[in-house]
Protein backbone atom coordinates (compact mmCIF):
# COMPACT_ATOMS: atom_id res chain seq x y z
CA MET A 1 10.83 14.38 -19.09
CA PRO A 2 7.21 13.97 -20.28
CA GLY A 3 5.35 10.95 -18.91
CA ARG A 4 7.65 10.60 -15.89
CA ARG A 5 6.89 11.44 -12.28
CA GLY A 6 7.79 14.92 -11.15
CA ASP A 7 7.34 14.43 -7.42
CA ALA A 8 9.67 12.73 -4.97
CA ARG A 9 8.57 9.34 -3.68
CA VAL A 10 8.93 7.79 -0.26
CA ARG A 11 9.72 4.09 0.03
CA LEU A 12 7.23 2.35 2.29
CA HIS A 13 6.79 -1.40 1.72
CA LEU A 14 3.53 -1.48 3.72
CA PRO A 15 0.58 -3.88 3.45
CA ALA A 16 -2.36 -2.27 1.68
CA ARG A 17 -5.49 -3.08 -0.34
CA LEU A 18 -6.18 -2.34 -3.97
CA VAL A 19 -9.89 -2.02 -4.79
CA LEU A 20 -10.81 -2.60 -8.43
CA LEU A 21 -14.11 -3.20 -10.21
CA SER A 22 -13.13 -6.88 -10.39
CA GLY A 23 -12.63 -7.07 -6.61
CA THR A 24 -10.29 -6.24 -3.79
CA GLN A 25 -6.83 -7.71 -3.41
CA GLN A 26 -4.08 -7.45 -0.86
CA CYS A 27 -0.94 -5.70 -2.01
CA ILE A 28 2.27 -4.08 -0.86
CA LEU A 29 2.51 -0.32 -1.18
CA GLU A 30 6.09 -0.05 -2.40
CA ASP A 31 6.40 3.70 -2.72
CA LEU A 32 4.20 6.78 -2.68
CA SER A 33 4.17 10.41 -3.78
CA VAL A 34 1.47 13.05 -3.85
CA THR A 35 0.68 12.08 -7.47
CA GLY A 36 0.86 8.29 -7.43
CA ALA A 37 2.11 5.00 -6.05
CA ALA A 38 3.96 1.84 -7.03
CA ILE A 39 2.15 -1.29 -5.88
CA ILE A 40 2.95 -5.01 -5.73
CA PRO A 41 -0.43 -6.81 -5.99
CA GLN A 42 -0.72 -10.29 -4.49
CA GLY A 43 -3.15 -11.29 -7.24
CA PRO A 44 -3.27 -10.73 -10.98
CA LEU A 45 -1.95 -7.43 -12.25
CA PRO A 46 -4.72 -4.96 -13.06
CA ALA A 47 -4.92 -3.68 -16.62
CA PRO A 48 -3.61 -0.22 -17.42
CA GLY A 49 -6.54 2.19 -17.57
CA ALA A 50 -8.45 0.44 -14.79
CA SER A 51 -9.90 2.62 -12.05
CA ALA A 52 -8.64 1.76 -8.59
CA ILE A 53 -8.66 2.79 -4.96
CA LEU A 54 -5.54 2.29 -2.89
CA MET A 55 -6.20 1.84 0.84
CA CYS A 56 -3.39 1.84 3.39
CA GLU A 57 -3.89 2.56 7.09
CA HIS A 58 -6.32 5.50 7.18
CA ILE A 59 -5.32 6.82 3.72
CA GLU A 60 -7.29 6.31 0.48
CA GLY A 61 -6.09 7.25 -2.98
CA PHE A 62 -8.42 7.19 -5.99
CA GLY A 63 -6.90 6.91 -9.43
CA MET A 64 -6.08 4.94 -12.55
CA ILE A 65 -3.58 2.17 -13.23
CA ARG A 66 -0.98 3.69 -15.55
CA TRP A 67 1.29 0.68 -16.04
CA ALA A 68 1.53 -2.98 -15.02
CA ARG A 69 4.56 -5.20 -15.57
CA HIS A 70 6.98 -7.55 -13.80
CA GLY A 71 4.61 -8.13 -10.86
CA ARG A 72 4.18 -4.41 -10.13
CA CYS A 73 1.83 -1.65 -11.20
CA GLY A 74 1.68 2.12 -11.01
CA LEU A 75 -1.34 4.08 -9.84
CA MET A 76 -1.75 7.74 -10.80
CA PHE A 77 -4.06 9.60 -8.42
CA ASP A 78 -7.02 11.59 -9.75
CA GLU A 79 -6.15 14.39 -7.34
CA LYS A 80 -2.90 15.02 -5.52
CA MET A 81 -2.70 13.31 -2.16
CA PRO A 82 -2.11 15.81 0.63
CA LEU A 83 1.56 15.86 1.61
CA PRO A 84 0.71 15.30 5.32
CA ASN A 85 -0.88 11.95 4.32
CA VAL A 86 2.31 10.89 2.53
CA ILE A 87 4.39 11.92 5.54
CA ALA A 88 2.04 10.07 7.92
CA LEU A 89 2.50 6.82 5.98
CA ARG A 90 6.27 7.34 6.06
CA HIS A 91 6.06 7.48 9.86
CA VAL A 92 3.96 4.28 9.88
CA ALA A 93 6.56 2.55 7.70
CA ASP A 94 9.38 3.67 9.97
CA SER A 95 7.84 1.91 12.95
CA TYR A 96 6.05 -0.94 11.12
CA GLU A 97 8.72 -3.62 11.54
CA VAL A 98 9.04 -3.05 15.29
CA THR A 99 5.28 -2.79 15.79
CA GLU A 100 4.62 -5.95 13.76
CA ARG A 101 7.29 -7.88 15.70
CA GLU A 102 5.63 -6.81 18.97
CA ARG A 103 2.20 -7.87 17.67
CA ASN A 104 3.54 -11.29 16.68
CA LEU A 105 5.17 -11.76 20.09
CA GLU A 106 1.88 -10.88 21.80
CA ARG A 107 -0.04 -13.32 19.56
CA ALA A 108 2.46 -16.08 20.38
CA ARG A 109 2.31 -15.25 24.11
CA ALA A 110 -1.52 -15.36 24.05
CA TRP A 111 -1.45 -18.71 22.24
CA VAL A 112 1.04 -20.23 24.71
CA GLN A 113 -1.06 -18.99 27.64
CA GLY A 114 -4.21 -20.46 26.10
CA ARG A 115 -5.88 -17.09 25.49
CA SER A 116 -5.94 -17.55 21.71
CA LYS A 117 -6.35 -20.46 19.36
CA ILE A 118 -4.92 -18.60 16.33
CA LEU A 119 -1.38 -17.30 15.93
């Protein structure tokens, strides 16, 4: 169907950053393919047609906002993202919950032991 994605997407739900001309905002990378991504920005939705850079872990995707509605937006990449990058983020997402839980436990342990003033 014209205007629809042709590539399979992986569900991620990872923290990321969306860099726009108006500034940088935190977001959640909801899903990703080699041609684009669905993003949940924590700030105002960017306007369709806006240039953007999606940054997550060590991956950067340059592109244009194609749609924005219901608290989500779609980014179409200027060039296809290499498939190994998509797969690498899938591996990060698979272990993210466990890794984040361990980080939070270590932060709490450090705070209780007086090694940190911030949780």
